[in-house]
N, C-alpha and C. Protein backbone atom coordinates (compact mmCIF):
# COMPACT_ATOMS: atom_id res chain seq x y z
N MET A 1 0.95 -1.26 0.04
CA MET A 1 0.41 -0.77 0.25
C MET A 1 0.58 1.32 -0.18
N GLU A 2 2.24 1.08 0.72
CA GLU A 2 2.95 2.23 0.86
C GLU A 2 3.73 2.69 -0.37
N ASP A 3 3.57 1.48 -1.29
CA ASP A 3 4.11 1.53 -2.60
C ASP A 3 3.42 2.43 -3.67
N TYR A 4 2.50 2.27 -3.28
CA TYR A 4 0.70 2.82 -4.24
C TYR A 4 0.61 4.54 -3.49
N THR A 5 1.20 4.77 -2.87
CA THR A 5 1.18 5.97 -1.81
C THR A 5 1.93 7.06 -2.95
N LYS A 6 3.38 6.08 -2.51
CA LYS A 6 4.42 6.97 -3.25
C LYS A 6 4.04 7.07 -4.58
N LEU A 7 3.92 6.37 -5.83
CA LEU A 7 4.02 6.58 -6.87
C LEU A 7 2.59 7.62 -6.69
N LEU A 8 1.59 7.55 -6.42
CA LEU A 8 0.79 8.89 -6.93
C LEU A 8 1.18 10.39 -6.44
N GLU A 9 2.01 9.95 -5.15
CA GLU A 9 2.16 11.27 -4.84
C GLU A 9 3.53 11.69 -5.80
N ARG A 10 4.41 10.74 -6.54
CA ARG A 10 5.22 11.34 -7.71
C ARG A 10 4.62 11.48 -8.99
N ALA A 11 3.29 10.80 -9.37
CA ALA A 11 2.76 11.24 -10.16
C ALA A 11 1.79 12.34 -10.12
N ARG A 12 1.72 13.02 -9.45
CA ARG A 12 0.86 14.45 -8.92
C ARG A 12 1.85 15.42 -8.91
N LYS A 13 3.28 15.15 -8.33
CA LYS A 13 4.20 16.12 -8.89
C LYS A 13 4.77 16.36 -9.98
N SER A 14 4.40 15.22 -11.24
CA SER A 14 5.11 15.34 -11.92
C SER A 14 3.88 15.98 -13.27
N LEU A 15 2.72 16.22 -12.72
CA LEU A 15 2.02 16.67 -13.00
C LEU A 15 1.87 18.31 -13.63
N PRO A 16 1.80 18.82 -14.69
CA PRO A 16 1.98 20.37 -14.74
C PRO A 16 0.79 21.00 -13.85
N SER A 17 1.45 22.36 -13.43
CA SER A 17 0.75 22.62 -12.51
C SER A 17 -0.82 23.81 -13.55
N VAL A 18 -1.75 24.05 -13.41
CA VAL A 18 -2.14 24.98 -13.98
C VAL A 18 -2.67 26.25 -13.61
N SER A 19 -2.23 27.09 -14.56
CA SER A 19 -1.70 28.93 -14.43
C SER A 19 -3.35 29.42 -14.50
N ARG A 20 -4.17 29.28 -15.53
CA ARG A 20 -5.64 29.89 -15.27
C ARG A 20 -6.29 29.18 -16.12
N ALA A 21 -7.39 29.33 -15.46
CA ALA A 21 -8.35 29.07 -16.03
C ALA A 21 -9.12 29.48 -17.44
N GLU A 22 -9.03 29.37 -18.64
CA GLU A 22 -9.62 30.53 -19.80
C GLU A 22 -10.53 30.10 -20.35
N GLU A 23 -11.45 30.48 -20.62
CA GLU A 23 -13.08 30.39 -20.81
C GLU A 23 -12.43 30.40 -22.56
N ARG A 24 -13.34 29.08 -23.10
CA ARG A 24 -13.35 29.31 -24.86
C ARG A 24 -14.45 30.60 -25.52
N PHE A 25 -15.02 30.89 -24.42
CA PHE A 25 -15.84 32.03 -25.06
C PHE A 25 -15.77 33.11 -24.18
N GLU A 26 -15.59 34.33 -24.62
CA GLU A 26 -15.40 35.11 -23.86
C GLU A 26 -16.39 36.17 -24.95
N VAL A 27 -17.24 37.24 -24.32
CA VAL A 27 -17.67 38.21 -24.84
C VAL A 27 -17.17 39.75 -24.94
N PRO A 28 -16.52 40.31 -25.91
CA PRO A 28 -16.24 41.72 -25.98
C PRO A 28 -16.45 42.41 -25.39
N LEU A 29 -16.18 43.28 -24.05
CA LEU A 29 -16.55 44.47 -23.52
C LEU A 29 -17.05 45.52 -25.11
N ALA A 30 -17.97 46.17 -24.62
CA ALA A 30 -18.10 47.31 -25.47
C ALA A 30 -16.96 48.56 -25.79
N GLU A 31 -16.99 49.51 -26.87
CA GLU A 31 -15.80 49.87 -26.43
C GLU A 31 -17.09 51.20 -27.09
N VAL A 32 -17.66 52.36 -25.92
CA VAL A 32 -18.10 52.98 -26.12
C VAL A 32 -17.99 54.63 -26.25
N GLN A 33 -18.40 55.50 -27.38
CA GLN A 33 -17.66 56.50 -27.24
C GLN A 33 -19.17 57.77 -26.90
N PRO A 34 -19.28 58.24 -25.76
CA PRO A 34 -19.88 58.92 -25.14
C PRO A 34 -20.25 60.13 -26.02
N GLY A 35 -21.31 60.43 -26.22
CA GLY A 35 -21.16 62.21 -26.30
C GLY A 35 -23.10 62.27 -26.70
N LYS A 36 -23.43 63.42 -27.44
CA LYS A 36 -24.87 62.98 -27.85
C LYS A 36 -25.54 62.05 -28.30
N GLN A 37 -24.80 61.71 -29.25
CA GLN A 37 -24.60 60.45 -30.08
C GLN A 37 -23.99 59.24 -29.14
N THR A 38 -24.39 57.94 -28.73
CA THR A 38 -23.47 56.93 -27.76
C THR A 38 -22.89 55.91 -29.48
N ILE A 39 -21.87 55.76 -29.68
CA ILE A 39 -21.39 55.09 -30.51
C ILE A 39 -20.45 53.89 -29.92
N ILE A 40 -21.32 52.10 -30.47
CA ILE A 40 -20.11 51.13 -29.81
C ILE A 40 -19.29 51.06 -31.10
N LYS A 41 -17.54 51.05 -30.94
CA LYS A 41 -16.97 50.65 -31.58
C LYS A 41 -16.65 49.52 -32.02
N ASN A 42 -16.60 48.86 -31.56
CA ASN A 42 -16.33 47.05 -32.37
C ASN A 42 -17.73 46.69 -32.01
N PHE A 43 -19.28 47.51 -32.38
CA PHE A 43 -20.08 46.69 -32.61
C PHE A 43 -19.88 45.55 -33.85
N SER A 44 -19.49 45.49 -34.49
CA SER A 44 -19.53 44.06 -35.38
C SER A 44 -18.38 43.25 -35.41
N GLY A 45 -17.60 43.74 -34.31
CA GLY A 45 -16.25 42.30 -33.79
C GLY A 45 -17.61 41.71 -32.64
N ILE A 46 -18.35 42.58 -32.01
CA ILE A 46 -19.32 41.52 -31.43
C ILE A 46 -20.15 41.25 -31.64
N ALA A 47 -20.73 41.48 -32.86
CA ALA A 47 -21.70 40.30 -33.52
C ALA A 47 -21.28 39.14 -33.85
N ARG A 48 -19.94 39.21 -33.97
CA ARG A 48 -19.03 37.99 -35.25
C ARG A 48 -18.46 37.15 -33.90
N THR A 49 -18.32 37.78 -32.63
CA THR A 49 -17.74 36.48 -31.74
C THR A 49 -19.21 35.87 -31.08
N LEU A 50 -19.96 36.65 -31.36
CA LEU A 50 -21.61 35.76 -30.87
C LEU A 50 -22.03 34.89 -32.04
N ARG A 51 -21.41 35.51 -33.28
CA ARG A 51 -21.48 34.60 -34.50
C ARG A 51 -23.44 34.94 -34.29
N ARG A 52 -23.57 35.91 -34.71
CA ARG A 52 -25.09 36.56 -35.20
C ARG A 52 -25.27 37.92 -35.55
N ASP A 53 -26.12 37.93 -36.38
CA ASP A 53 -26.45 38.67 -37.25
C ASP A 53 -26.15 40.24 -36.79
N GLU A 54 -25.46 41.05 -37.74
CA GLU A 54 -25.67 42.42 -36.31
C GLU A 54 -26.63 42.82 -36.82
N SER A 55 -27.77 43.10 -37.33
CA SER A 55 -28.93 43.59 -37.53
C SER A 55 -30.03 42.98 -35.85
N HIS A 56 -29.59 41.56 -36.08
CA HIS A 56 -30.72 40.92 -34.89
C HIS A 56 -29.75 41.84 -33.61
N LEU A 57 -28.78 41.45 -33.53
CA LEU A 57 -28.24 42.44 -31.83
C LEU A 57 -28.45 43.59 -31.73
N ALA A 58 -28.66 44.13 -32.83
CA ALA A 58 -28.81 45.76 -32.93
C ALA A 58 -30.40 46.16 -32.58
N LYS A 59 -30.87 45.32 -32.91
CA LYS A 59 -32.57 45.38 -32.86
C LYS A 59 -33.03 45.15 -31.27
N PHE A 60 -32.15 43.98 -31.09
CA PHE A 60 -32.51 43.77 -29.90
C PHE A 60 -31.93 44.87 -28.80
N LEU A 61 -30.91 45.70 -28.95
CA LEU A 61 -30.62 46.79 -28.04
C LEU A 61 -31.25 48.32 -28.08
N PHE A 62 -31.47 48.24 -29.27
CA PHE A 62 -32.54 49.43 -29.69
C PHE A 62 -33.99 49.18 -28.88
N LYS A 63 -34.66 47.74 -28.70
CA LYS A 63 -35.51 47.68 -28.39
C LYS A 63 -35.39 48.04 -26.73
N GLU A 64 -34.26 46.84 -25.95
CA GLU A 64 -34.36 46.92 -24.60
C GLU A 64 -33.37 48.08 -23.80
N LEU A 65 -32.78 48.78 -24.71
CA LEU A 65 -32.47 50.34 -24.05
C LEU A 65 -33.60 51.72 -24.66
N ALA A 66 -34.38 51.29 -25.37
CA ALA A 66 -35.65 52.11 -25.52
C ALA A 66 -34.85 53.60 -26.34
N VAL A 67 -34.11 53.68 -27.15
CA VAL A 67 -33.53 54.45 -27.81
C VAL A 67 -33.15 54.10 -29.21
N PRO A 68 -33.35 55.21 -30.34
CA PRO A 68 -33.30 54.76 -31.35
C PRO A 68 -32.16 54.86 -32.29
N GLY A 69 -31.45 54.22 -33.27
CA GLY A 69 -30.09 54.60 -33.70
C GLY A 69 -30.23 53.88 -35.10
N SER A 70 -29.09 53.56 -35.37
CA SER A 70 -28.65 53.16 -37.01
C SER A 70 -27.11 52.27 -37.05
N THR A 71 -26.87 51.59 -38.34
CA THR A 71 -25.54 50.84 -37.75
C THR A 71 -24.93 51.56 -38.76
N ARG A 72 -23.61 52.13 -38.99
CA ARG A 72 -22.84 52.29 -40.04
C ARG A 72 -21.43 51.89 -39.65
N ASN A 73 -20.99 51.35 -41.23
CA ASN A 73 -19.13 51.01 -40.97
C ASN A 73 -18.98 49.69 -39.94
N GLY A 74 -19.90 49.42 -39.54
CA GLY A 74 -19.25 48.43 -38.30
C GLY A 74 -19.64 48.79 -36.71
N GLU A 75 -20.27 50.15 -36.78
CA GLU A 75 -20.46 50.07 -35.23
C GLU A 75 -21.82 50.84 -35.55
N LEU A 76 -22.25 51.04 -34.36
CA LEU A 76 -23.95 51.05 -33.71
C LEU A 76 -23.94 52.92 -33.33
N VAL A 77 -24.79 53.15 -33.47
CA VAL A 77 -24.83 54.68 -33.05
C VAL A 77 -26.26 55.03 -32.91
N PHE A 78 -26.55 55.18 -31.58
CA PHE A 78 -27.71 55.59 -30.66
C PHE A 78 -27.77 56.73 -30.47
N GLN A 79 -28.95 57.07 -30.94
CA GLN A 79 -29.37 58.58 -30.86
C GLN A 79 -29.64 59.39 -29.59
N GLY A 80 -28.73 58.97 -28.61
CA GLY A 80 -29.09 59.55 -27.27
C GLY A 80 -27.85 59.11 -26.74
N LYS A 81 -28.16 59.49 -25.14
CA LYS A 81 -26.76 59.42 -24.40
C LYS A 81 -26.92 57.80 -23.88
N VAL A 82 -26.21 56.77 -23.70
CA VAL A 82 -26.41 55.42 -23.28
C VAL A 82 -25.25 55.35 -22.56
N TYR A 83 -25.69 54.93 -21.31
CA TYR A 83 -23.83 54.07 -20.16
C TYR A 83 -23.37 52.92 -20.87
N GLY A 84 -21.91 52.58 -20.78
CA GLY A 84 -21.56 51.65 -21.33
C GLY A 84 -21.83 50.75 -20.43
N ASN A 85 -21.76 50.66 -18.80
CA ASN A 85 -21.98 49.55 -18.37
C ASN A 85 -23.42 48.61 -18.74
N LEU A 86 -24.29 50.12 -19.19
CA LEU A 86 -25.59 48.95 -19.39
C LEU A 86 -25.96 48.83 -20.15
N ILE A 87 -25.14 49.34 -22.07
CA ILE A 87 -24.74 48.56 -22.92
C ILE A 87 -24.35 47.03 -22.98
N ASN A 88 -23.04 47.06 -22.03
CA ASN A 88 -22.80 45.36 -21.74
C ASN A 88 -23.62 44.89 -21.20
N GLN A 89 -24.45 44.87 -20.44
CA GLN A 89 -25.81 44.24 -19.87
C GLN A 89 -26.15 43.87 -20.37
N ARG A 90 -27.16 44.40 -21.36
CA ARG A 90 -27.97 44.29 -22.34
C ARG A 90 -27.37 43.11 -23.36
N ILE A 91 -25.64 43.46 -23.66
CA ILE A 91 -25.18 42.15 -24.90
C ILE A 91 -24.86 40.74 -23.66
N ALA A 92 -24.84 40.99 -22.29
CA ALA A 92 -24.67 39.69 -21.87
C ALA A 92 -26.18 38.89 -21.54
N GLU A 93 -27.77 40.06 -21.35
CA GLU A 93 -28.51 39.28 -21.77
C GLU A 93 -28.86 39.13 -22.57
N TYR A 94 -28.18 39.47 -24.36
CA TYR A 94 -28.52 39.09 -25.53
C TYR A 94 -27.82 37.57 -25.57
N THR A 95 -26.72 37.63 -24.92
CA THR A 95 -25.79 36.11 -24.88
C THR A 95 -26.39 35.14 -23.89
N LYS A 96 -26.60 35.32 -22.72
CA LYS A 96 -28.05 34.41 -22.67
C LYS A 96 -29.53 34.09 -23.32
N GLN A 97 -29.56 35.02 -23.38
CA GLN A 97 -31.22 34.69 -24.47
C GLN A 97 -31.07 33.86 -25.75
N PHE A 98 -29.83 34.57 -26.38
CA PHE A 98 -29.64 33.96 -27.56
C PHE A 98 -28.94 33.53 -27.96
N VAL A 99 -28.03 33.58 -27.66
CA VAL A 99 -26.69 32.38 -27.86
C VAL A 99 -26.16 31.11 -27.31
N ILE A 100 -25.95 31.23 -25.82
CA ILE A 100 -25.87 30.55 -24.71
C ILE A 100 -27.13 29.32 -24.96
N CYS A 101 -26.69 27.93 -25.02
CA CYS A 101 -28.05 26.80 -24.87
C CYS A 101 -28.07 26.71 -23.39
N ASN A 102 -29.73 26.28 -23.60
CA ASN A 102 -30.34 26.00 -22.38
C ASN A 102 -29.46 24.71 -21.26
N GLU A 103 -29.72 23.42 -22.41
CA GLU A 103 -29.27 22.33 -21.92
C GLU A 103 -27.73 22.24 -21.55
N CYS A 104 -26.56 22.31 -22.35
CA CYS A 104 -25.35 22.50 -22.43
C CYS A 104 -24.49 23.58 -21.63
N GLY A 105 -24.90 24.99 -22.25
CA GLY A 105 -24.20 26.02 -21.63
C GLY A 105 -23.44 25.91 -22.39
N LYS A 106 -23.31 25.64 -24.00
CA LYS A 106 -21.77 26.15 -24.69
C LYS A 106 -23.17 27.22 -26.00
N PRO A 107 -22.02 27.85 -26.13
CA PRO A 107 -22.32 29.11 -27.46
C PRO A 107 -22.52 28.45 -28.47
N ASP A 108 -22.24 27.47 -28.79
CA ASP A 108 -22.38 26.88 -30.31
C ASP A 108 -23.54 26.56 -30.87
N THR A 109 -24.34 27.91 -30.80
CA THR A 109 -25.78 27.88 -31.68
C THR A 109 -25.77 28.52 -32.47
N THR A 110 -27.16 27.95 -33.83
CA THR A 110 -27.43 28.67 -34.87
C THR A 110 -28.66 29.25 -34.62
N LEU A 111 -29.15 30.36 -34.88
CA LEU A 111 -30.68 31.08 -35.01
C LEU A 111 -31.14 31.26 -36.16
N SER A 112 -32.39 30.85 -36.30
CA SER A 112 -33.34 30.89 -37.78
C SER A 112 -34.19 31.65 -36.98
N GLU A 113 -34.90 32.72 -38.25
CA GLU A 113 -36.34 33.32 -37.71
C GLU A 113 -36.78 33.32 -39.01
N ASN A 114 -38.31 32.58 -38.59
CA ASN A 114 -39.22 32.60 -39.55
C ASN A 114 -40.29 33.94 -38.83
N LYS A 115 -41.53 33.58 -38.24
CA LYS A 115 -42.19 33.51 -37.66
C LYS A 115 -42.20 33.24 -36.39
N ILE A 116 -41.23 32.32 -35.65
CA ILE A 116 -40.69 32.31 -34.62
C ILE A 116 -39.13 31.82 -34.99
N THR A 117 -38.30 32.36 -33.35
CA THR A 117 -37.22 32.28 -33.50
C THR A 117 -36.75 30.98 -33.39
N THR A 118 -35.94 29.87 -33.73
CA THR A 118 -35.43 28.55 -33.33
C THR A 118 -34.21 28.85 -32.98
N ILE A 119 -33.79 28.31 -32.17
CA ILE A 119 -32.23 28.30 -31.41
C ILE A 119 -31.55 26.98 -31.09
N LYS A 120 -30.98 26.13 -32.46
CA LYS A 120 -30.67 25.04 -32.58
C LYS A 120 -28.87 24.94 -31.85
N CYS A 121 -28.61 23.68 -31.17
CA CYS A 121 -27.13 24.15 -30.22
C CYS A 121 -26.57 22.83 -31.15
N GLU A 122 -25.30 23.15 -31.77
CA GLU A 122 -24.46 22.33 -32.58
C GLU A 122 -23.95 21.24 -31.67
N ALA A 123 -23.84 21.46 -30.39
CA ALA A 123 -23.04 20.54 -29.83
C ALA A 123 -23.52 19.34 -29.52
N CYS A 124 -25.27 19.77 -28.66
CA CYS A 124 -25.56 18.94 -28.25
C CYS A 124 -26.76 18.11 -28.69
N GLY A 125 -27.47 19.29 -29.67
CA GLY A 125 -28.62 19.27 -30.82
C GLY A 125 -30.03 19.94 -30.07
N ALA A 126 -30.09 20.33 -29.10
CA ALA A 126 -31.47 20.62 -28.05
C ALA A 126 -31.55 21.76 -29.16
N ARG A 127 -33.04 22.27 -29.59
CA ARG A 127 -33.52 23.10 -29.81
C ARG A 127 -35.00 24.24 -29.07
N ARG A 128 -34.85 25.37 -28.91
CA ARG A 128 -35.75 25.46 -28.33
C ARG A 128 -36.31 27.10 -28.97
N THR A 129 -37.96 27.51 -28.92
CA THR A 129 -38.51 28.24 -29.55
C THR A 129 -38.52 29.63 -28.88
N MET A 130 -38.65 31.00 -29.43
CA MET A 130 -38.52 31.76 -28.65
C MET A 130 -39.41 32.88 -29.55
N LYS A 131 -40.41 34.11 -28.82
CA LYS A 131 -40.93 34.88 -29.74
C LYS A 131 -40.00 35.71 -30.37
N SER A 132 -40.23 36.13 -32.01
CA SER A 132 -39.50 37.29 -32.24
C SER A 132 -39.35 38.96 -31.29
N ILE A 133 -37.85 39.14 -31.49
CA ILE A 133 -37.50 40.65 -31.41
C ILE A 133 -38.64 41.71 -31.46
């Protein structure tokens, strides 16, 4: 029995130490330029990371923040003053609602919109439906 515990200790010592657990999927924070018009500079990068259409994400943000706006050259422009932390909160809500799978928790999903929005997970095959924005 002593030989086993010695071997086990030696094996544990030879294992590499984990320096930092890294998430495979991280949503970038919005780079907000405040002013009369609030501009998200990295909007197209955020949409690309989420693997969603820019128009879908923009529509969600316009509705949730109750501020009209438009997209131009990969940026999202709000026609009013919106705080950066509020924008990042809403993007996190969008990610939870429209990107992350409810079953396995992975971001490997696709979105299809007709009359009903359907989210299908490519990792586990789960599907769910929800109202369109």
